[in-house]
Amino acid sequence: MKNLLARLGPRSASGMVPTVRAALLAALAAPAALVVAAAAPAAWPVIPALGLTLLALVLFDALLAGPYGGLQIIAPADCEVGEPARIGVLADLPGRATGRADLALALDPRIAPGGRLDIALSRGTEGEAQVWHGSAMVTPSRRGTGIITRGWLRWQGPLGIGARQREVDLDQAMRVWPNLSAVRSPALQVFLKDLAVRPDRPSDAGRGHAVRGAGRLPARHGPPPHRLESLGPAHAPLRQGV
């Protein structure tokens, strides 16, 4: 599985970052530090010590999140305008203490509005606990070839105050075609099949024969012209005497 998911683009960058929870803790600690400095000025060394402790906890939590193993985007190569399509994600995160994982994709706006797609990942089953997976539905808006250019994978440690982030170039294409759902509808298929079996519908049968016979001359009564010529003088009409 690790070999399957080990898909790195031409450029991949990683780092450790604090989470929103760590920022909230730092914001709450600032008023407390002011109170301590005002009430006991001699205890001011405690304030930077608390800040350094929080920073150390953020780094420690990010280390517990575990390393990066690989990323795979599962997207259809072909889709249609206005038809929903699913984009799936498989991430190999071997750390057993990973608390949460998210992925942000940068892609063509024809695939997703704004050119951004956020996908929340969940841990796999017991046999594949290191594989995190997730998916999201998109509805292409216009035809053409859309590219999933880049992905930002972020996974947190068990404390939720430190996280690791990985930026991966993907360059994965999705071809968007015109919508042909109307052509594939069962009603139209039955109609086309009926036309293939009966080229002339009963309501148009008489009309078709009438049109085909419209260019014909009316039938002549009596002998044809060449028969009249062959009758000769004996059969010529009698003349009245003078």
Protein backbone atom coordinates (compact mmCIF):
# COMPACT_ATOMS: atom_id res chain seq x y z
CA MET A 1 0.00 0.00 0.00
CA LYS A 2 2.83 2.37 0.77
CA ASN A 3 4.30 1.86 -2.71
CA LEU A 4 0.88 2.46 -4.22
CA LEU A 5 0.36 5.75 -2.42
CA ALA A 6 3.92 7.07 -2.78
CA ARG A 7 3.15 9.64 -5.44
CA LEU A 8 5.22 12.79 -5.19
CA GLY A 9 5.14 15.55 -7.75
CA PRO A 10 8.19 17.35 -9.13
CA ARG A 11 8.08 19.69 -6.13
CA SER A 12 7.10 18.73 -2.59
CA ALA A 13 7.49 20.90 0.50
CA SER A 14 6.68 20.13 4.13
CA GLY A 15 6.77 21.83 7.49
CA MET A 16 5.37 22.05 11.01
CA VAL A 17 2.69 24.62 11.79
CA PRO A 18 0.52 25.51 14.81
CA THR A 19 -3.18 24.85 14.66
CA VAL A 20 -6.13 27.11 15.40
CA ARG A 21 -6.29 25.63 18.89
CA ALA A 22 -2.71 26.69 19.59
CA ALA A 23 -3.48 30.23 18.41
CA LEU A 24 -6.48 30.38 20.73
CA LEU A 25 -4.37 29.22 23.69
CA ALA A 26 -1.81 31.91 22.93
CA ALA A 27 -4.55 34.54 22.71
CA LEU A 28 -5.99 33.48 26.06
CA ALA A 29 -2.56 33.45 27.70
CA ALA A 30 -1.82 37.07 26.76
CA PRO A 31 -4.31 38.66 29.25
CA ALA A 32 -3.14 36.28 31.97
CA ALA A 33 0.44 37.37 31.34
CA LEU A 34 -0.55 41.02 31.74
CA VAL A 35 -2.30 40.27 35.03
CA VAL A 36 0.77 38.44 36.34
CA ALA A 37 3.07 41.27 35.28
CA ALA A 38 0.86 43.85 37.00
CA ALA A 39 0.30 41.88 40.21
CA ALA A 40 3.80 40.49 40.66
CA PRO A 41 6.42 42.28 38.57
CA ALA A 42 9.12 40.05 39.98
CA ALA A 43 7.44 37.03 38.35
CA TRP A 44 7.82 38.36 34.81
CA PRO A 45 10.23 35.53 33.80
CA VAL A 46 7.24 33.19 34.03
CA ILE A 47 5.62 34.84 31.02
CA PRO A 48 8.28 33.96 28.40
CA ALA A 49 8.63 30.55 30.02
CA LEU A 50 4.95 29.87 29.36
CA GLY A 51 5.35 31.00 25.77
CA LEU A 52 8.32 28.70 25.25
CA THR A 53 6.41 25.84 26.85
CA LEU A 54 3.52 26.32 24.46
CA LEU A 55 5.91 26.40 21.51
CA ALA A 56 7.58 23.20 22.68
CA LEU A 57 4.20 21.51 23.02
CA VAL A 58 3.29 22.56 19.47
CA LEU A 59 6.50 21.05 18.07
CA PHE A 60 6.10 17.90 20.15
CA ASP A 61 2.52 17.44 18.99
CA ALA A 62 3.57 17.92 15.37
CA LEU A 63 6.22 15.24 15.80
CA LEU A 64 3.62 12.85 17.21
CA ALA A 65 1.52 13.37 14.09
CA GLY A 66 3.95 11.11 12.24
CA PRO A 67 5.70 11.23 8.87
CA TYR A 68 4.28 11.53 5.37
CA GLY A 69 4.03 8.36 3.28
CA GLY A 70 2.28 9.33 0.06
CA LEU A 71 -0.77 10.83 -1.61
CA GLN A 72 -3.02 9.57 -4.39
CA ILE A 73 -5.86 11.45 -6.09
CA ILE A 74 -8.58 9.27 -7.60
CA ALA A 75 -10.44 11.35 -10.17
CA PRO A 76 -12.34 10.31 -13.32
CA ALA A 77 -10.43 10.93 -16.52
CA ASP A 78 -13.67 11.86 -18.32
CA CYS A 79 -16.82 13.59 -17.06
CA GLU A 80 -19.66 15.70 -18.46
CA VAL A 81 -20.90 19.23 -17.96
CA GLY A 82 -23.52 19.40 -15.23
CA GLU A 83 -23.08 15.77 -14.17
CA PRO A 84 -21.72 15.11 -10.63
CA ALA A 85 -18.29 13.48 -10.41
CA ARG A 86 -16.46 12.16 -7.36
CA ILE A 87 -12.85 12.98 -6.50
CA GLY A 88 -11.32 10.60 -3.99
CA VAL A 89 -8.15 10.83 -1.90
CA LEU A 90 -5.88 8.23 -0.32
CA ALA A 91 -3.15 9.46 2.05
CA ASP A 92 -0.51 7.29 3.66
CA LEU A 93 0.13 8.65 7.18
CA PRO A 94 2.00 5.98 9.17
CA GLY A 95 1.79 7.85 12.50
CA ARG A 96 -0.53 6.02 14.89
CA ALA A 97 -1.12 9.17 16.96
CA THR A 98 -2.44 11.25 14.06
CA GLY A 99 -5.53 13.07 15.27
CA ARG A 100 -6.99 14.67 12.16
CA ALA A 101 -6.17 15.08 8.45
CA ASP A 102 -7.45 17.44 5.75
CA LEU A 103 -6.61 18.08 2.13
CA ALA A 104 -7.05 21.22 0.04
CA LEU A 105 -6.85 20.89 -3.74
CA ALA A 106 -6.09 23.64 -6.25
CA LEU A 107 -7.80 22.84 -9.55
CA ASP A 108 -9.34 24.37 -12.64
CA PRO A 109 -12.45 26.51 -11.92
CA ARG A 110 -14.36 24.58 -14.58
CA ILE A 111 -14.27 21.58 -12.18
CA ALA A 112 -15.00 23.30 -8.84
CA PRO A 113 -16.16 26.88 -8.14
CA GLY A 114 -13.32 29.15 -7.09
CA GLY A 115 -10.67 26.63 -8.11
CA ARG A 116 -10.47 25.11 -4.60
CA LEU A 117 -11.78 21.88 -3.10
CA ASP A 118 -11.51 20.95 0.61
CA ILE A 119 -11.72 17.29 1.62
CA ALA A 120 -11.82 15.97 5.18
CA LEU A 121 -10.04 12.63 5.60
CA SER A 122 -10.86 9.81 7.98
CA ARG A 123 -8.73 6.94 9.23
CA GLY A 124 -9.02 3.58 7.51
CA THR A 125 -10.03 0.26 8.99
CA GLU A 126 -8.02 -1.68 11.55
CA GLY A 127 -6.04 -3.53 8.90
CA GLU A 128 -5.09 -0.30 7.10
CA ALA A 129 -5.09 2.24 9.93
CA GLN A 130 -2.29 4.23 8.31
CA VAL A 131 -4.35 4.91 5.17
CA TRP A 132 -6.59 7.95 5.43
CA HIS A 133 -9.32 8.39 2.84
CA GLY A 134 -11.95 10.87 1.79
CA SER A 135 -13.92 12.13 -1.20
CA ALA A 136 -15.95 15.08 -2.45
CA MET A 137 -18.44 15.63 -5.26
CA VAL A 138 -17.87 18.21 -7.99
CA THR A 139 -20.06 19.40 -10.86
CA PRO A 140 -18.10 20.63 -13.90
CA SER A 141 -19.45 23.88 -15.32
CA ARG A 142 -18.00 23.94 -18.83
CA ARG A 143 -16.25 21.62 -21.23
CA GLY A 144 -12.52 21.38 -21.74
CA THR A 145 -9.57 19.85 -19.92
CA GLY A 146 -9.30 20.77 -16.25
CA ILE A 147 -6.11 20.19 -14.27
CA ILE A 148 -5.80 19.33 -10.58
CA THR A 149 -2.58 21.24 -10.10
CA ARG A 150 -1.61 21.03 -6.43
CA GLY A 151 -2.60 19.64 -3.06
CA TRP A 152 -1.96 20.72 0.54
CA LEU A 153 -2.16 17.85 3.02
CA ARG A 154 -2.37 18.76 6.70
CA TRP A 155 -2.47 16.30 9.60
CA GLN A 156 -2.50 17.05 13.32
CA GLY A 157 -1.06 15.42 16.40
CA PRO A 158 -3.10 13.94 19.27
CA LEU A 159 -3.17 17.23 21.24
CA GLY A 160 -4.55 19.20 18.29
CA ILE A 161 -2.12 22.11 18.75
CA GLY A 162 0.62 21.05 16.32
CA ALA A 163 0.34 19.83 12.74
CA ARG A 164 2.40 18.89 9.75
CA GLN A 165 1.73 20.21 6.27
CA ARG A 166 2.82 18.84 2.92
CA GLU A 167 2.50 20.58 -0.44
CA VAL A 168 2.49 18.24 -3.43
CA ASP A 169 2.36 19.02 -7.16
CA LEU A 170 -0.20 16.72 -8.82
CA ASP A 171 -0.80 17.79 -12.45
CA GLN A 172 -3.76 15.43 -12.95
CA ALA A 173 -6.16 16.03 -15.84
CA MET A 174 -9.94 15.67 -16.04
CA ARG A 175 -11.54 15.93 -19.48
CA VAL A 176 -14.99 17.57 -19.38
CA TRP A 177 -17.27 16.67 -22.31
CA PRO A 178 -20.67 18.03 -23.38
CA ASN A 179 -23.63 16.57 -21.53
CA LEU A 180 -25.10 13.60 -23.43
CA SER A 181 -27.51 12.41 -20.75
CA ALA A 182 -30.52 13.26 -22.95
CA VAL A 183 -29.20 10.98 -25.70
CA ARG A 184 -28.80 8.14 -23.21
CA SER A 185 -32.30 8.52 -21.76
CA PRO A 186 -34.40 5.30 -21.87
CA ALA A 187 -37.32 7.03 -23.62
CA LEU A 188 -35.14 8.20 -26.51
CA GLN A 189 -33.47 4.79 -26.80
CA VAL A 190 -36.87 3.10 -27.09
CA PHE A 191 -37.95 5.65 -29.71
CA LEU A 192 -34.80 5.12 -31.80
CA LYS A 193 -35.16 1.36 -31.52
CA ASP A 194 -38.76 1.62 -32.70
CA LEU A 195 -37.69 3.69 -35.72
CA ALA A 196 -35.03 1.12 -36.59
CA VAL A 197 -37.64 -1.67 -36.59
CA ARG A 198 -40.38 0.34 -38.40
CA PRO A 199 -38.91 3.00 -40.69
CA ASP A 200 -42.40 4.23 -41.79
CA ARG A 201 -44.84 4.90 -39.00
CA PRO A 202 -48.52 4.04 -39.76
CA SER A 203 -49.58 7.69 -39.62
CA ASP A 204 -47.11 8.61 -42.36
CA ALA A 205 -47.53 5.56 -44.58
CA GLY A 206 -50.32 6.96 -46.77
CA ARG A 207 -48.67 10.35 -46.91
CA GLY A 208 -45.47 8.81 -48.12
CA HIS A 209 -47.16 6.88 -50.91
CA ALA A 210 -49.06 9.99 -51.94
CA VAL A 211 -45.89 11.98 -52.18
CA ARG A 212 -44.10 9.29 -54.10
CA GLY A 213 -46.99 9.10 -56.59
CA ALA A 214 -47.43 12.84 -57.04
CA GLY A 215 -44.98 13.03 -59.95
CA ARG A 216 -46.65 10.34 -62.05
CA LEU A 217 -48.84 11.17 -65.10
CA PRO A 218 -52.52 10.12 -65.04
CA ALA A 219 -53.35 6.89 -66.83
CA ARG A 220 -54.52 7.14 -70.50
CA HIS A 221 -57.81 5.62 -71.70
CA GLY A 222 -58.01 3.97 -75.05
CA PRO A 223 -55.27 2.63 -77.27
CA PRO A 224 -51.83 4.17 -77.15
CA PRO A 225 -50.72 6.61 -79.89
CA HIS A 226 -48.73 4.03 -81.85
CA ARG A 227 -51.82 1.83 -82.08
CA LEU A 228 -53.81 4.68 -83.63
CA GLU A 229 -51.20 5.15 -86.32
CA SER A 230 -51.19 1.46 -87.14
CA LEU A 231 -54.92 1.28 -87.80
CA GLY A 232 -54.49 2.90 -91.24
CA PRO A 233 -57.05 4.57 -93.57
CA ALA A 234 -59.64 1.84 -93.26
CA HIS A 235 -60.36 2.96 -89.77
CA ALA A 236 -60.22 6.64 -90.48
CA PRO A 237 -63.36 8.63 -89.65
CA LEU A 238 -65.93 8.96 -92.49
CA ARG A 239 -66.17 12.26 -94.30
CA GLN A 240 -69.51 13.83 -95.08
CA GLY A 241 -70.43 14.18 -98.71
CA VAL A 242 -70.33 17.48 -100.41
